[in-house]
Amino acid sequence: MRKTYLVCYDICDDKRLRKVFKTMRDFGDHLQYSVFECQFTPTDLARCRHALSEIIDHREDQVLFVDLGPTEGRGDRVITALGKPYSPIDSPCIVVDGERDD
């Protein structure tokens, strides 16, 4: 059975941070700078934990796995925001050119 997890991390070193980010892209959907949503089987969760364990400094860094429950029977992703509205980071980028041709 798959479960939905939020994986949140606080990494103190830029090089390790990039490695953690790159690793997490293989496991889930990027929601916010250091937050991913993942659909894990128990084996997937163990693989992710092991991969991250090899990267982080266990004395300085922290990775949190928040179990949101089974994926089956869930509706669409429901995310609400406080402050700036939520928009997926991986959504298409829109560039607005402020210069006019007048």
PDB file of N, CA and C in Angstrom:
ATOM      1  N   MET A   1       0.847  -1.175   0.000  1.00  0.00           N
ATOM      2  CA  MET A   1       0.000   0.000   0.000  1.00  0.00           C
ATOM      3  C   MET A   1       0.896   1.243   0.000  1.00  0.00           C
ATOM      4  N   ARG A   2       0.547   2.153  -0.857  1.00  0.00           N
ATOM      5  CA  ARG A   2       1.292   3.412  -0.918  1.00  0.00           C
ATOM      6  C   ARG A   2       0.707   4.414   0.063  1.00  0.00           C
ATOM      7  N   LYS A   3       1.594   5.211   0.610  1.00  0.00           N
ATOM      8  CA  LYS A   3       1.184   6.311   1.471  1.00  0.00           C
ATOM      9  C   LYS A   3       1.786   7.602   0.937  1.00  0.00           C
ATOM     10  N   THR A   4       1.095   8.676   1.200  1.00  0.00           N
ATOM     11  CA  THR A   4       1.591   9.995   0.818  1.00  0.00           C
ATOM     12  C   THR A   4       2.422  10.559   1.964  1.00  0.00           C
ATOM     13  N   TYR A   5       3.579  11.076   1.618  1.00  0.00           N
ATOM     14  CA  TYR A   5       4.482  11.691   2.598  1.00  0.00           C
ATOM     15  C   TYR A   5       4.867  13.081   2.131  1.00  0.00           C
ATOM     16  N   LEU A   6       5.013  13.975   3.088  1.00  0.00           N
ATOM     17  CA  LEU A   6       5.723  15.220   2.840  1.00  0.00           C
ATOM     18  C   LEU A   6       7.139  14.999   3.335  1.00  0.00           C
ATOM     19  N   VAL A   7       8.096  15.276   2.498  1.00  0.00           N
ATOM     20  CA  VAL A   7       9.496  15.179   2.892  1.00  0.00           C
ATOM     21  C   VAL A   7      10.046  16.598   2.903  1.00  0.00           C
ATOM     22  N   CYS A   8      10.465  17.050   4.072  1.00  0.00           N
ATOM     23  CA  CYS A   8      10.947  18.422   4.271  1.00  0.00           C
ATOM     24  C   CYS A   8      12.375  18.343   4.795  1.00  0.00           C
ATOM     25  N   TYR A   9      13.235  19.201   4.293  1.00  0.00           N
ATOM     26  CA  TYR A   9      14.614  19.109   4.743  1.00  0.00           C
ATOM     27  C   TYR A   9      15.215  20.479   5.008  1.00  0.00           C
ATOM     28  N   ASP A  10      16.150  20.470   5.935  1.00  0.00           N
ATOM     29  CA  ASP A  10      16.931  21.654   6.293  1.00  0.00           C
ATOM     30  C   ASP A  10      18.391  21.213   6.257  1.00  0.00           C
ATOM     31  N   ILE A  11      19.100  21.621   5.222  1.00  0.00           N
ATOM     32  CA  ILE A  11      20.470  21.174   4.976  1.00  0.00           C
ATOM     33  C   ILE A  11      21.398  22.374   5.117  1.00  0.00           C
ATOM     34  N   CYS A  12      22.439  22.234   5.897  1.00  0.00           N
ATOM     35  CA  CYS A  12      23.311  23.371   6.235  1.00  0.00           C
ATOM     36  C   CYS A  12      24.383  23.679   5.196  1.00  0.00           C
ATOM     37  N   ASP A  13      24.643  22.793   4.285  1.00  0.00           N
ATOM     38  CA  ASP A  13      25.722  22.973   3.315  1.00  0.00           C
ATOM     39  C   ASP A  13      25.135  22.981   1.903  1.00  0.00           C
ATOM     40  N   ASP A  14      25.547  23.965   1.070  1.00  0.00           N
ATOM     41  CA  ASP A  14      24.974  24.106  -0.275  1.00  0.00           C
ATOM     42  C   ASP A  14      25.213  22.882  -1.151  1.00  0.00           C
ATOM     43  N   LYS A  15      26.387  22.285  -1.051  1.00  0.00           N
ATOM     44  CA  LYS A  15      26.694  21.117  -1.886  1.00  0.00           C
ATOM     45  C   LYS A  15      25.783  19.938  -1.501  1.00  0.00           C
ATOM     46  N   ARG A  16      25.616  19.704  -0.218  1.00  0.00           N
ATOM     47  CA  ARG A  16      24.712  18.627   0.224  1.00  0.00           C
ATOM     48  C   ARG A  16      23.266  18.967  -0.124  1.00  0.00           C
ATOM     49  N   LEU A  17      22.914  20.257  -0.013  1.00  0.00           N
ATOM     50  CA  LEU A  17      21.556  20.686  -0.343  1.00  0.00           C
ATOM     51  C   LEU A  17      21.227  20.347  -1.794  1.00  0.00           C
ATOM     52  N   ARG A  18      22.153  20.627  -2.702  1.00  0.00           N
ATOM     53  CA  ARG A  18      21.923  20.321  -4.118  1.00  0.00           C
ATOM     54  C   ARG A  18      21.782  18.811  -4.334  1.00  0.00           C
ATOM     55  N   LYS A  19      22.589  18.041  -3.636  1.00  0.00           N
ATOM     56  CA  LYS A  19      22.503  16.578  -3.775  1.00  0.00           C
ATOM     57  C   LYS A  19      21.169  16.050  -3.238  1.00  0.00           C
ATOM     58  N   VAL A  20      20.739  16.593  -2.118  1.00  0.00           N
ATOM     59  CA  VAL A  20      19.444  16.161  -1.555  1.00  0.00           C
ATOM     60  C   VAL A  20      18.315  16.532  -2.525  1.00  0.00           C
ATOM     61  N   PHE A  21      18.355  17.749  -3.047  1.00  0.00           N
ATOM     62  CA  PHE A  21      17.314  18.179  -3.988  1.00  0.00           C
ATOM     63  C   PHE A  21      17.284  17.261  -5.206  1.00  0.00           C
ATOM     64  N   LYS A  22      18.458  17.003  -5.773  1.00  0.00           N
ATOM     65  CA  LYS A  22      18.535  16.145  -6.963  1.00  0.00           C
ATOM     66  C   LYS A  22      18.029  14.733  -6.651  1.00  0.00           C
ATOM     67  N   THR A  23      18.369  14.223  -5.507  1.00  0.00           N
ATOM     68  CA  THR A  23      17.910  12.893  -5.099  1.00  0.00           C
ATOM     69  C   THR A  23      16.397  12.875  -4.930  1.00  0.00           C
ATOM     70  N   MET A  24      15.864  13.904  -4.295  1.00  0.00           N
ATOM     71  CA  MET A  24      14.422  13.930  -4.043  1.00  0.00           C
ATOM     72  C   MET A  24      13.612  14.050  -5.320  1.00  0.00           C
ATOM     73  N   ARG A  25      14.185  14.656  -6.353  1.00  0.00           N
ATOM     74  CA  ARG A  25      13.446  14.750  -7.629  1.00  0.00           C
ATOM     75  C   ARG A  25      13.162  13.366  -8.193  1.00  0.00           C
ATOM     76  N   ASP A  26      13.956  12.381  -7.823  1.00  0.00           N
ATOM     77  CA  ASP A  26      13.715  11.004  -8.285  1.00  0.00           C
ATOM     78  C   ASP A  26      12.601  10.319  -7.501  1.00  0.00           C
ATOM     79  N   PHE A  27      12.188  10.920  -6.397  1.00  0.00           N
ATOM     80  CA  PHE A  27      11.216  10.252  -5.528  1.00  0.00           C
ATOM     81  C   PHE A  27       9.840  10.916  -5.486  1.00  0.00           C
ATOM     82  N   GLY A  28       9.754  12.212  -5.797  1.00  0.00           N
ATOM     83  CA  GLY A  28       8.452  12.844  -5.610  1.00  0.00           C
ATOM     84  C   GLY A  28       8.300  14.154  -6.354  1.00  0.00           C
ATOM     85  N   ASP A  29       7.217  14.849  -6.007  1.00  0.00           N
ATOM     86  CA  ASP A  29       6.880  16.115  -6.645  1.00  0.00           C
ATOM     87  C   ASP A  29       7.370  17.269  -5.775  1.00  0.00           C
ATOM     88  N   HIS A  30       8.070  18.184  -6.413  1.00  0.00           N
ATOM     89  CA  HIS A  30       8.623  19.346  -5.717  1.00  0.00           C
ATOM     90  C   HIS A  30       7.503  20.342  -5.456  1.00  0.00           C
ATOM     91  N   LEU A  31       7.235  20.654  -4.198  1.00  0.00           N
ATOM     92  CA  LEU A  31       6.159  21.580  -3.850  1.00  0.00           C
ATOM     93  C   LEU A  31       6.668  22.963  -3.502  1.00  0.00           C
ATOM     94  N   GLN A  32       7.755  23.013  -2.771  1.00  0.00           N
ATOM     95  CA  GLN A  32       8.304  24.269  -2.295  1.00  0.00           C
ATOM     96  C   GLN A  32       9.802  24.064  -2.159  1.00  0.00           C
ATOM     97  N   TYR A  33      10.566  25.077  -1.863  1.00  0.00           N
ATOM     98  CA  TYR A  33      12.015  24.982  -1.911  1.00  0.00           C
ATOM     99  C   TYR A  33      12.591  23.725  -1.286  1.00  0.00           C
ATOM    100  N   SER A  34      12.192  23.378  -0.108  1.00  0.00           N
ATOM    101  CA  SER A  34      12.754  22.195   0.551  1.00  0.00           C
ATOM    102  C   SER A  34      11.660  21.209   0.948  1.00  0.00           C
ATOM    103  N   VAL A  35      10.614  21.154   0.131  1.00  0.00           N
ATOM    104  CA  VAL A  35       9.471  20.291   0.444  1.00  0.00           C
ATOM    105  C   VAL A  35       9.073  19.497  -0.801  1.00  0.00           C
ATOM    106  N   PHE A  36       8.957  18.189  -0.623  1.00  0.00           N
ATOM    107  CA  PHE A  36       8.499  17.303  -1.688  1.00  0.00           C
ATOM    108  C   PHE A  36       7.310  16.498  -1.197  1.00  0.00           C
ATOM    109  N   GLU A  37       6.389  16.185  -2.122  1.00  0.00           N
ATOM    110  CA  GLU A  37       5.298  15.256  -1.843  1.00  0.00           C
ATOM    111  C   GLU A  37       5.645  13.957  -2.549  1.00  0.00           C
ATOM    112  N   CYS A  38       5.611  12.851  -1.809  1.00  0.00           N
ATOM    113  CA  CYS A  38       6.021  11.554  -2.353  1.00  0.00           C
ATOM    114  C   CYS A  38       4.948  10.511  -2.081  1.00  0.00           C
ATOM    115  N   GLN A  39       4.791   9.580  -2.996  1.00  0.00           N
ATOM    116  CA  GLN A  39       3.900   8.427  -2.835  1.00  0.00           C
ATOM    117  C   GLN A  39       4.807   7.225  -2.629  1.00  0.00           C
ATOM    118  N   PHE A  40       4.936   6.753  -1.419  1.00  0.00           N
ATOM    119  CA  PHE A  40       5.904   5.710  -1.097  1.00  0.00           C
ATOM    120  C   PHE A  40       5.234   4.396  -0.726  1.00  0.00           C
ATOM    121  N   THR A  41       5.790   3.304  -1.220  1.00  0.00           N
ATOM    122  CA  THR A  41       5.561   1.999  -0.623  1.00  0.00           C
ATOM    123  C   THR A  41       6.573   1.918   0.524  1.00  0.00           C
ATOM    124  N   PRO A  42       6.435   0.945   1.407  1.00  0.00           N
ATOM    125  CA  PRO A  42       7.455   0.820   2.457  1.00  0.00           C
ATOM    126  C   PRO A  42       8.868   0.662   1.887  1.00  0.00           C
ATOM    127  N   THR A  43       9.004  -0.040   0.767  1.00  0.00           N
ATOM    128  CA  THR A  43      10.315  -0.212   0.135  1.00  0.00           C
ATOM    129  C   THR A  43      10.835   1.122  -0.414  1.00  0.00           C
ATOM    130  N   ASP A  44       9.957   1.882  -1.063  1.00  0.00           N
ATOM    131  CA  ASP A  44      10.358   3.198  -1.585  1.00  0.00           C
ATOM    132  C   ASP A  44      10.834   4.105  -0.450  1.00  0.00           C
ATOM    133  N   LEU A  45      10.099   4.087   0.651  1.00  0.00           N
ATOM    134  CA  LEU A  45      10.461   4.925   1.792  1.00  0.00           C
ATOM    135  C   LEU A  45      11.841   4.533   2.323  1.00  0.00           C
ATOM    136  N   ALA A  46      12.077   3.237   2.415  1.00  0.00           N
ATOM    137  CA  ALA A  46      13.384   2.782   2.904  1.00  0.00           C
ATOM    138  C   ALA A  46      14.491   3.190   1.936  1.00  0.00           C
ATOM    139  N   ARG A  47      14.240   3.079   0.622  1.00  0.00           N
ATOM    140  CA  ARG A  47      15.246   3.475  -0.374  1.00  0.00           C
ATOM    141  C   ARG A  47      15.540   4.973  -0.265  1.00  0.00           C
ATOM    142  N   CYS A  48      14.498   5.787  -0.126  1.00  0.00           N
ATOM    143  CA  CYS A  48      14.678   7.240  -0.020  1.00  0.00           C
ATOM    144  C   CYS A  48      15.465   7.585   1.246  1.00  0.00           C
ATOM    145  N   ARG A  49      15.068   6.984   2.362  1.00  0.00           N
ATOM    146  CA  ARG A  49      15.768   7.261   3.621  1.00  0.00           C
ATOM    147  C   ARG A  49      17.241   6.871   3.527  1.00  0.00           C
ATOM    148  N   HIS A  50      17.500   5.738   2.905  1.00  0.00           N
ATOM    149  CA  HIS A  50      18.882   5.290   2.764  1.00  0.00           C
ATOM    150  C   HIS A  50      19.677   6.255   1.868  1.00  0.00           C
ATOM    151  N   ALA A  51      19.076   6.645   0.731  1.00  0.00           N
ATOM    152  CA  ALA A  51      19.774   7.551  -0.200  1.00  0.00           C
ATOM    153  C   ALA A  51      20.110   8.870   0.490  1.00  0.00           C
ATOM    154  N   LEU A  52      19.140   9.425   1.218  1.00  0.00           N
ATOM    155  CA  LEU A  52      19.380  10.700   1.894  1.00  0.00           C
ATOM    156  C   LEU A  52      20.367  10.547   3.041  1.00  0.00           C
ATOM    157  N   SER A  53      20.303   9.408   3.702  1.00  0.00           N
ATOM    158  CA  SER A  53      21.213   9.143   4.821  1.00  0.00           C
ATOM    159  C   SER A  53      22.671   9.151   4.375  1.00  0.00           C
ATOM    160  N   GLU A  54      22.898   8.741   3.120  1.00  0.00           N
ATOM    161  CA  GLU A  54      24.251   8.727   2.570  1.00  0.00           C
ATOM    162  C   GLU A  54      24.755  10.132   2.231  1.00  0.00           C
ATOM    163  N   ILE A  55      23.847  11.097   2.107  1.00  0.00           N
ATOM    164  CA  ILE A  55      24.204  12.456   1.676  1.00  0.00           C
ATOM    165  C   ILE A  55      24.344  13.423   2.856  1.00  0.00           C
ATOM    166  N   ILE A  56      23.404  13.363   3.776  1.00  0.00           N
ATOM    167  CA  ILE A  56      23.351  14.417   4.806  1.00  0.00           C
ATOM    168  C   ILE A  56      24.423  14.219   5.870  1.00  0.00           C
ATOM    169  N   ASP A  57      24.685  15.310   6.572  1.00  0.00           N
ATOM    170  CA  ASP A  57      25.529  15.263   7.763  1.00  0.00           C
ATOM    171  C   ASP A  57      24.557  15.105   8.938  1.00  0.00           C
ATOM    172  N   HIS A  58      24.594  13.982   9.585  1.00  0.00           N
ATOM    173  CA  HIS A  58      23.612  13.662  10.625  1.00  0.00           C
ATOM    174  C   HIS A  58      23.734  14.547  11.863  1.00  0.00           C
ATOM    175  N   ARG A  59      24.818  15.295  11.990  1.00  0.00           N
ATOM    176  CA  ARG A  59      24.979  16.192  13.129  1.00  0.00           C
ATOM    177  C   ARG A  59      24.444  17.586  12.833  1.00  0.00           C
ATOM    178  N   GLU A  60      24.343  17.969  11.527  1.00  0.00           N
ATOM    179  CA  GLU A  60      23.956  19.327  11.159  1.00  0.00           C
ATOM    180  C   GLU A  60      22.625  19.421  10.417  1.00  0.00           C
ATOM    181  N   ASP A  61      22.293  18.407   9.654  1.00  0.00           N
ATOM    182  CA  ASP A  61      21.134  18.482   8.760  1.00  0.00           C
ATOM    183  C   ASP A  61      19.946  17.725   9.349  1.00  0.00           C
ATOM    184  N   GLN A  62      18.753  18.044   8.799  1.00  0.00           N
ATOM    185  CA  GLN A  62      17.552  17.346   9.240  1.00  0.00           C
ATOM    186  C   GLN A  62      16.637  17.098   8.044  1.00  0.00           C
ATOM    187  N   VAL A  63      16.076  15.900   7.981  1.00  0.00           N
ATOM    188  CA  VAL A  63      15.061  15.548   6.991  1.00  0.00           C
ATOM    189  C   VAL A  63      13.863  15.006   7.763  1.00  0.00           C
ATOM    190  N   LEU A  64      12.679  15.573   7.487  1.00  0.00           N
ATOM    191  CA  LEU A  64      11.460  15.119   8.143  1.00  0.00           C
ATOM    192  C   LEU A  64      10.594  14.374   7.135  1.00  0.00           C
ATOM    193  N   PHE A  65      10.015  13.259   7.548  1.00  0.00           N
ATOM    194  CA  PHE A  65       9.077  12.490   6.735  1.00  0.00           C
ATOM    195  C   PHE A  65       7.722  12.566   7.439  1.00  0.00           C
ATOM    196  N   VAL A  66       6.775  13.258   6.825  1.00  0.00           N
ATOM    197  CA  VAL A  66       5.457  13.430   7.430  1.00  0.00           C
ATOM    198  C   VAL A  66       4.479  12.509   6.718  1.00  0.00           C
ATOM    199  N   ASP A  67       3.963  11.514   7.429  1.00  0.00           N
ATOM    200  CA  ASP A  67       3.035  10.529   6.862  1.00  0.00           C
ATOM    201  C   ASP A  67       1.640  11.147   6.782  1.00  0.00           C
ATOM    202  N   LEU A  68       1.118  11.297   5.559  1.00  0.00           N
ATOM    203  CA  LEU A  68      -0.216  11.881   5.360  1.00  0.00           C
ATOM    204  C   LEU A  68      -1.270  10.808   5.128  1.00  0.00           C
ATOM    205  N   GLY A  69      -0.892   9.539   5.224  1.00  0.00           N
ATOM    206  CA  GLY A  69      -1.865   8.458   5.110  1.00  0.00           C
ATOM    207  C   GLY A  69      -1.876   7.811   3.737  1.00  0.00           C
ATOM    208  N   PRO A  70      -2.776   6.819   3.581  1.00  0.00           N
ATOM    209  CA  PRO A  70      -2.841   6.055   2.329  1.00  0.00           C
ATOM    210  C   PRO A  70      -3.212   6.936   1.139  1.00  0.00           C
ATOM    211  N   THR A  71      -2.627   6.604  -0.017  1.00  0.00           N
ATOM    212  CA  THR A  71      -2.932   7.377  -1.222  1.00  0.00           C
ATOM    213  C   THR A  71      -4.272   6.970  -1.821  1.00  0.00           C
ATOM    214  N   GLU A  72      -4.680   5.720  -1.634  1.00  0.00           N
ATOM    215  CA  GLU A  72      -5.950   5.244  -2.192  1.00  0.00           C
ATOM    216  C   GLU A  72      -7.107   5.945  -1.493  1.00  0.00           C
ATOM    217  N   GLY A  73      -8.092   6.307  -2.293  1.00  0.00           N
ATOM    218  CA  GLY A  73      -9.273   6.943  -1.738  1.00  0.00           C
ATOM    219  C   GLY A  73      -9.122   8.431  -1.515  1.00  0.00           C
ATOM    220  N   ARG A  74      -7.950   8.944  -1.802  1.00  0.00           N
ATOM    221  CA  ARG A  74      -7.758  10.387  -1.640  1.00  0.00           C
ATOM    222  C   ARG A  74      -8.245  11.090  -2.895  1.00  0.00           C
ATOM    223  N   GLY A  75      -8.725  12.267  -2.729  1.00  0.00           N
ATOM    224  CA  GLY A  75      -9.123  13.077  -3.866  1.00  0.00           C
ATOM    225  C   GLY A  75      -7.899  13.753  -4.457  1.00  0.00           C
ATOM    226  N   ASP A  76      -8.130  14.790  -5.181  1.00  0.00           N
ATOM    227  CA  ASP A  76      -7.033  15.565  -5.727  1.00  0.00           C
ATOM    228  C   ASP A  76      -6.230  16.180  -4.587  1.00  0.00           C
ATOM    229  N   ARG A  77      -5.019  16.542  -4.922  1.00  0.00           N
ATOM    230  CA  ARG A  77      -4.160  17.203  -3.936  1.00  0.00           C
ATOM    231  C   ARG A  77      -4.853  18.464  -3.435  1.00  0.00           C
ATOM    232  N   VAL A  78      -4.931  18.610  -2.149  1.00  0.00           N
ATOM    233  CA  VAL A  78      -5.532  19.797  -1.555  1.00  0.00           C
ATOM    234  C   VAL A  78      -4.451  20.520  -0.774  1.00  0.00           C
ATOM    235  N   ILE A  79      -4.062  21.651  -1.275  1.00  0.00           N
ATOM    236  CA  ILE A  79      -3.046  22.456  -0.614  1.00  0.00           C
ATOM    237  C   ILE A  79      -3.603  23.857  -0.457  1.00  0.00           C
ATOM    238  N   THR A  80      -3.582  24.341   0.742  1.00  0.00           N
ATOM    239  CA  THR A  80      -3.971  25.727   0.973  1.00  0.00           C
ATOM    240  C   THR A  80      -2.738  26.478   1.450  1.00  0.00           C
ATOM    241  N   ALA A  81      -2.741  27.758   1.260  1.00  0.00           N
ATOM    242  CA  ALA A  81      -1.576  28.557   1.623  1.00  0.00           C
ATOM    243  C   ALA A  81      -1.989  29.695   2.530  1.00  0.00           C
ATOM    244  N   LEU A  82      -1.071  30.106   3.340  1.00  0.00           N
ATOM    245  CA  LEU A  82      -1.215  31.290   4.154  1.00  0.00           C
ATOM    246  C   LEU A  82      -0.137  32.252   3.664  1.00  0.00           C
ATOM    247  N   GLY A  83      -0.500  33.448   3.355  1.00  0.00           N
ATOM    248  CA  GLY A  83       0.469  34.383   2.765  1.00  0.00           C
ATOM    249  C   GLY A  83       0.344  34.338   1.253  1.00  0.00           C
ATOM    250  N   LYS A  84       1.453  34.258   0.561  1.00  0.00           N
ATOM    251  CA  LYS A  84       1.428  34.216  -0.896  1.00  0.00           C
ATOM    252  C   LYS A  84       0.682  32.971  -1.342  1.00  0.00           C
ATOM    253  N   PRO A  85      -0.111  33.059  -2.432  1.00  0.00           N
ATOM    254  CA  PRO A  85      -0.857  31.894  -2.893  1.00  0.00           C
ATOM    255  C   PRO A  85       0.075  30.788  -3.358  1.00  0.00           C
ATOM    256  N   TYR A  86      -0.366  29.535  -3.170  1.00  0.00           N
ATOM    257  CA  TYR A  86       0.420  28.386  -3.598  1.00  0.00           C
ATOM    258  C   TYR A  86       0.388  28.268  -5.116  1.00  0.00           C
ATOM    259  N   SER A  87       1.543  28.045  -5.719  1.00  0.00           N
ATOM    260  CA  SER A  87       1.624  27.682  -7.133  1.00  0.00           C
ATOM    261  C   SER A  87       2.764  26.693  -7.262  1.00  0.00           C
ATOM    262  N   PRO A  88       2.549  25.618  -8.011  1.00  0.00           N
ATOM    263  CA  PRO A  88       3.597  24.615  -8.148  1.00  0.00           C
ATOM    264  C   PRO A  88       4.861  25.221  -8.722  1.00  0.00           C
ATOM    265  N   ILE A  89       5.999  24.879  -8.153  1.00  0.00           N
ATOM    266  CA  ILE A  89       7.276  25.412  -8.617  1.00  0.00           C
ATOM    267  C   ILE A  89       7.610  24.907 -10.009  1.00  0.00           C
ATOM    268  N   ASP A  90       7.187  23.686 -10.306  1.00  0.00           N
ATOM    269  CA  ASP A  90       7.514  23.103 -11.602  1.00  0.00           C
ATOM    270  C   ASP A  90       6.556  23.528 -12.704  1.00  0.00           C
ATOM    271  N   SER A  91       5.659  24.475 -12.418  1.00  0.00           N
ATOM    272  CA  SER A  91       4.733  24.929 -13.444  1.00  0.00           C
ATOM    273  C   SER A  91       5.491  25.774 -14.464  1.00  0.00           C
ATOM    274  N   PRO A  92       4.912  25.947 -15.658  1.00  0.00           N
ATOM    275  CA  PRO A  92       5.604  26.733 -16.683  1.00  0.00           C
ATOM    276  C   PRO A  92       5.927  28.138 -16.203  1.00  0.00           C
ATOM    277  N   CYS A  93       7.030  28.644 -16.662  1.00  0.00           N
ATOM    278  CA  CYS A  93       7.493  29.978 -16.289  1.00  0.00           C
ATOM    279  C   CYS A  93       6.950  31.001 -17.281  1.00  0.00           C
ATOM    280  N   ILE A  94       6.413  32.084 -16.773  1.00  0.00           N
ATOM    281  CA  ILE A  94       5.920  33.155 -17.625  1.00  0.00           C
ATOM    282  C   ILE A  94       6.835  34.354 -17.442  1.00  0.00           C
ATOM    283  N   VAL A  95       7.407  34.842 -18.538  1.00  0.00           N
ATOM    284  CA  VAL A  95       8.303  35.988 -18.486  1.00  0.00           C
ATOM    285  C   VAL A  95       7.552  37.202 -19.002  1.00  0.00           C
ATOM    286  N   VAL A  96       7.549  38.259 -18.205  1.00  0.00           N
ATOM    287  CA  VAL A  96       6.870  39.490 -18.602  1.00  0.00           C
ATOM    288  C   VAL A  96       7.952  40.515 -18.913  1.00  0.00           C
ATOM    289  N   ASP A  97       7.919  41.028 -20.133  1.00  0.00           N
ATOM    290  CA  ASP A  97       8.892  42.022 -20.561  1.00  0.00           C
ATOM    291  C   ASP A  97       8.313  43.396 -20.258  1.00  0.00           C
ATOM    292  N   GLY A  98       8.996  44.162 -19.403  1.00  0.00           N
ATOM    293  CA  GLY A  98       8.503  45.466 -18.994  1.00  0.00           C
ATOM    294  C   GLY A  98       8.787  46.574 -19.984  1.00  0.00           C
ATOM    295  N   GLU A  99       9.565  46.304 -21.015  1.00  0.00           N
ATOM    296  CA  GLU A  99       9.893  47.350 -21.980  1.00  0.00           C
ATOM    297  C   GLU A  99       8.834  47.440 -23.058  1.00  0.00           C
ATOM    298  N   ARG A 100       8.531  48.625 -23.463  1.00  0.00           N
ATOM    299  CA  ARG A 100       7.529  48.846 -24.498  1.00  0.00           C
ATOM    300  C   ARG A 100       8.229  49.230 -25.791  1.00  0.00           C
ATOM    301  N   ASP A 101       7.581  48.923 -26.906  1.00  0.00           N
ATOM    302  CA  ASP A 101       8.129  49.255 -28.211  1.00  0.00           C
ATOM    303  C   ASP A 101       7.664  50.626 -28.693  1.00  0.00           C
ATOM    304  N   ASP A 102       6.881  51.406 -27.873  1.00  0.00           N
ATOM    305  CA  ASP A 102       6.304  52.689 -28.308  1.00  0.00           C
ATOM    306  C   ASP A 102       7.356  53.642 -28.803  1.00  0.00           C
TER     307      ASP A 102
END
